[in-house]
Protein backbone atom coordinates (compact mmCIF):
# COMPACT_ATOMS: atom_id res chain seq x y z
CA MET A 1 180.17 19.86 70.55
CA LEU A 2 181.09 17.66 67.23
CA GLN A 3 179.90 20.01 64.32
CA ILE A 4 178.48 18.91 61.03
CA SER A 5 178.41 20.45 58.23
CA LYS A 6 178.17 17.70 55.34
CA LEU A 7 174.87 15.34 54.30
CA MET A 8 174.50 12.05 52.63
CA PRO A 9 171.45 11.46 51.40
CA GLN A 10 170.69 7.82 52.06
CA GLY A 11 174.13 6.87 52.84
CA ALA A 12 174.55 6.79 49.37
CA GLY A 13 178.11 5.25 48.10
CA LEU A 14 178.55 4.20 51.63
CA ALA A 15 179.10 0.21 52.28
CA PRO A 16 176.23 -0.95 54.22
CA VAL A 17 178.12 -2.05 56.80
CA LEU A 18 179.39 1.47 57.88
CA ILE A 19 175.75 2.56 57.91
CA LYS A 20 174.61 -0.32 59.96
CA ARG A 21 177.75 0.20 62.40
CA ALA A 22 176.97 4.28 62.98
CA ALA A 23 175.69 6.00 65.74
CA THR A 24 172.00 6.84 65.43
CA VAL A 25 169.99 10.29 66.17
CA GLU A 26 166.41 10.62 66.50
CA LEU A 27 164.88 13.56 64.68
CA ASP A 28 160.97 14.65 63.95
CA TRP A 29 159.69 16.70 61.69
CA ASP A 30 160.01 19.62 63.07
CA VAL A 31 164.01 19.78 63.58
CA ARG A 32 164.74 18.24 60.30
CA GLN A 33 163.45 20.38 57.97
CA LYS A 34 166.20 22.92 59.62
CA SER A 35 169.45 23.48 58.00
CA ARG A 36 170.67 24.60 61.67
CA PHE A 37 170.21 22.55 64.76
CA ASP A 38 171.80 20.74 67.98
CA ALA A 39 171.03 17.60 69.29
CA THR A 40 172.44 14.08 71.20
CA ASP A 41 173.29 10.88 69.44
CA SER A 42 172.79 7.57 70.11
CA GLN A 43 176.17 7.77 71.91
CA ASN A 44 175.48 11.04 73.98
CA ARG A 45 177.74 12.88 72.10
CA ALA A 46 176.52 15.89 71.39
CA LEU A 47 176.04 17.40 67.55
CA GLY A 48 176.00 20.87 65.77
CA VAL A 49 174.85 20.36 62.89
CA PHE A 50 175.70 23.28 60.28
CA LEU A 51 173.84 22.47 56.73
CA PRO A 52 173.34 24.40 53.64
CA ARG A 53 170.14 26.73 53.73
CA GLY A 54 167.20 24.76 52.33
CA THR A 55 168.86 21.39 53.22
CA LEU A 56 165.72 18.74 54.35
CA VAL A 57 167.23 16.08 56.62
CA ARG A 58 165.03 12.55 55.55
CA GLY A 59 165.16 9.41 58.11
CA GLY A 60 167.68 7.11 56.98
CA ASP A 61 170.01 9.94 55.60
CA VAL A 62 173.72 9.98 57.20
CA LEU A 63 175.53 13.15 58.66
CA VAL A 64 178.75 13.31 58.62
CA ALA A 65 180.94 15.31 61.29
CA GLU A 66 184.01 16.79 61.02
CA ASP A 67 186.27 14.03 62.82
CA GLY A 68 184.82 11.63 60.01
CA SER A 69 182.24 9.95 62.31
CA LEU A 70 178.69 9.04 60.92
CA ILE A 71 175.33 9.80 62.14
CA ARG A 72 172.64 7.60 60.66
CA VAL A 73 169.44 10.05 61.22
CA ILE A 74 166.42 8.11 62.03
CA ALA A 75 162.87 9.78 61.56
CA ALA A 76 161.34 10.48 65.09
CA PRO A 77 157.65 9.08 65.57
CA GLN A 78 155.52 12.24 66.51
CA PRO A 79 151.79 12.99 66.88
CA VAL A 80 149.96 13.54 63.28
CA LEU A 81 147.03 12.29 61.36
CA VAL A 82 146.43 9.75 59.27
CA ILE A 83 143.65 10.43 56.84
CA THR A 84 142.57 7.48 54.85
CA ALA A 85 138.95 7.18 52.34
CA CYS A 86 135.91 6.09 54.50
CA ALA A 87 135.87 2.71 53.21
CA GLU A 88 132.17 2.18 53.29
CA HIS A 89 130.92 5.69 51.64
CA GLY A 90 134.12 6.82 49.89
CA SER A 91 136.28 6.13 47.55
CA PRO A 92 139.94 6.54 46.56
CA PHE A 93 139.94 9.78 44.63
CA ASP A 94 138.00 11.25 48.31
CA LEU A 95 142.35 11.39 49.23
CA THR A 96 142.92 13.24 45.80
CA ARG A 97 140.52 15.77 46.35
CA ALA A 98 142.22 16.07 50.23
CA ALA A 99 145.74 16.70 49.20
CA TYR A 100 144.30 18.97 46.33
CA HIS A 101 142.50 21.54 48.96
CA LEU A 102 145.57 20.53 52.02
CA GLY A 103 148.17 22.06 48.98
CA ASN A 104 145.66 24.72 48.34
CA ARG A 105 146.31 25.56 52.01
CA HIS A 106 150.60 24.93 51.39
CA VAL A 107 150.25 21.85 54.17
CA PRO A 108 153.15 19.86 54.54
CA ILE A 109 151.49 16.31 53.36
CA GLU A 110 153.20 12.89 53.58
CA LEU A 111 151.50 10.78 50.27
CA LYS A 112 151.27 7.38 50.53
CA PRO A 113 148.95 5.21 47.74
CA ASP A 114 146.23 4.03 50.67
CA HIS A 115 146.32 7.40 53.15
CA LEU A 116 147.74 10.85 53.70
CA LYS A 117 149.29 12.22 57.01
CA ILE A 118 149.89 15.79 58.02
CA GLU A 119 150.86 17.40 61.64
CA PRO A 120 147.76 18.19 63.96
CA ASP A 121 145.51 20.39 63.30
CA HIS A 122 142.05 20.50 64.62
CA VAL A 123 140.61 22.75 61.81
CA LEU A 124 141.85 20.46 58.74
CA ALA A 125 141.03 17.31 60.77
CA ASP A 126 136.86 18.87 61.17
CA MET A 127 137.29 19.89 57.36
CA LEU A 128 138.45 16.32 55.86
CA ARG A 129 135.53 14.51 58.38
CA ALA A 130 133.34 17.04 56.53
CA MET A 131 134.99 15.26 53.18
CA HIS A 132 133.83 12.06 54.38
CA LEU A 133 137.20 10.83 55.14
CA THR A 134 138.32 8.85 57.78
CA VAL A 135 141.01 10.60 60.41
CA ARG A 136 142.41 9.46 63.35
CA GLU A 137 145.46 10.33 65.82
CA ALA A 138 148.58 8.45 65.74
CA ILE A 139 152.41 8.50 66.74
CA GLU A 140 154.39 7.83 63.52
CA ALA A 141 157.02 8.95 61.53
CA PHE A 142 156.46 12.12 59.55
CA GLU A 143 158.23 12.41 56.01
CA PRO A 144 155.94 15.18 54.11
CA GLU A 145 156.66 15.36 50.27
CA GLY A 146 159.63 18.06 49.40
CA GLY A 147 157.90 19.53 46.58
CA ALA A 148 158.45 18.97 42.82
CA TYR A 149 161.56 21.38 42.57
CA SER A 150 162.75 21.28 46.06
CA SER A 151 166.65 20.20 45.96
CA SER A 152 165.81 17.53 48.84
CA GLY A 153 162.51 16.06 47.35
CA HIS A 154 160.99 13.09 49.33
CA SER A 155 163.35 10.30 49.73
CA HIS A 156 162.58 6.79 48.76
CA GLY A 157 165.21 5.06 49.81
CA ASN A 158 167.33 5.55 47.59
CA ALA A 159 169.04 8.02 45.18
CA HIS A 160 167.25 9.05 41.79
CA ALA A 161 170.01 10.75 39.82
CA PRO A 162 168.33 11.71 36.60
CA ALA A 163 168.86 10.11 33.43
CA ALA A 164 169.85 11.18 30.21
CA HIS A 165 166.99 9.70 27.48
CA THR A 166 168.72 7.42 24.83
CA HIS A 167 167.70 5.57 22.18
CA ASP A 168 169.35 2.99 19.99
CA ALA A 169 170.67 3.45 16.97
CA ASP A 170 168.50 1.08 15.13
CA HIS A 171 165.12 3.29 16.86
CA GLY A 172 164.56 5.61 14.53
CA HIS A 173 162.73 8.52 16.67
CA ALA A 174 163.43 12.09 15.20
CA HIS A 175 161.51 14.02 17.90
CA ALA A 176 163.95 15.86 20.30
CA HIS A 177 163.12 15.14 23.67
CA ALA A 178 164.90 18.17 25.78
CA ALA A 179 162.86 20.28 23.55
CA ALA A 180 159.59 19.04 24.40
CA LYS A 181 157.43 21.33 26.43
CA PRO A 182 154.83 19.42 29.18
CA LYS A 183 151.46 19.42 27.84
CA PRO A 184 148.81 21.30 30.13
CA VAL A 185 146.99 19.52 32.50
CA ASN A 186 143.55 20.37 33.49
CA ILE A 187 142.18 19.87 36.39
CA PRO A 188 138.07 19.31 36.70
CA ILE A 189 136.71 22.24 38.84
CA ALA A 190 133.88 19.88 39.31
CA ALA A 191 135.90 17.36 41.64
CA ALA A 192 137.30 19.11 43.78
CA THR A 193 134.69 21.36 44.82
CA THR A 194 131.40 18.75 44.52
CA PRO A 195 130.55 18.11 47.52
CA HIS A 196 129.85 14.11 48.90
CA VAL A 197 126.42 12.73 47.63
CA HIS A 198 124.82 9.83 48.71
CA GLY A 199 121.90 7.78 47.63
CA PRO A 200 118.19 7.60 48.63
CA GLY A 201 118.32 5.70 52.19
CA CYS A 202 122.56 6.09 53.25
CA ASN A 203 121.72 8.55 55.76
CA HIS A 204 125.11 8.64 56.36
CA GLY A 205 125.46 7.63 59.97
CA HIS A 206 128.70 5.86 60.46
CA LYS A 207 131.57 7.91 62.68
CA HIS A 208 134.75 9.00 60.61
């Protein structure tokens, strides 16, 4: 069994040709959110993965074995629920409301500009349909957000290193950015709790 204790997010620092030639391993989200697991790669080698506790493995990450072997991770397709705004009676803001309510329930969510993804849950599916959203079943890769303070976060295909905020000498700013405090964000409660209302004659006869 190949022992693995190192992960390179999105293969950062590796030559593309090395990543292309590497063996692969397909893992679903249930496995990729664990720091210790066994798997079998595309060369039929048994892998024993022991990563730092709390590590999230993302599709595109590269595992490094103790013998120097590289194994590229592929996010395996799995059952998911794809949530979109109702094209006939909804609006993109409905997705914001859905993300708010799912977040309150600590549900892992993959966020996209025009849809959300969650793992199958018939109770949540009924709740979302009651909010006039369209919910469909699919078999797709699942890459939920890792949280704003997660060490891994959500991979976007490249490594985002924190950059120091600098100004040119003639910029003239005297304020200290490091000391700036984040402004409070006011979330209108009504926007998150107001039921979906249709105008006269709508009848809402469409099927989600």
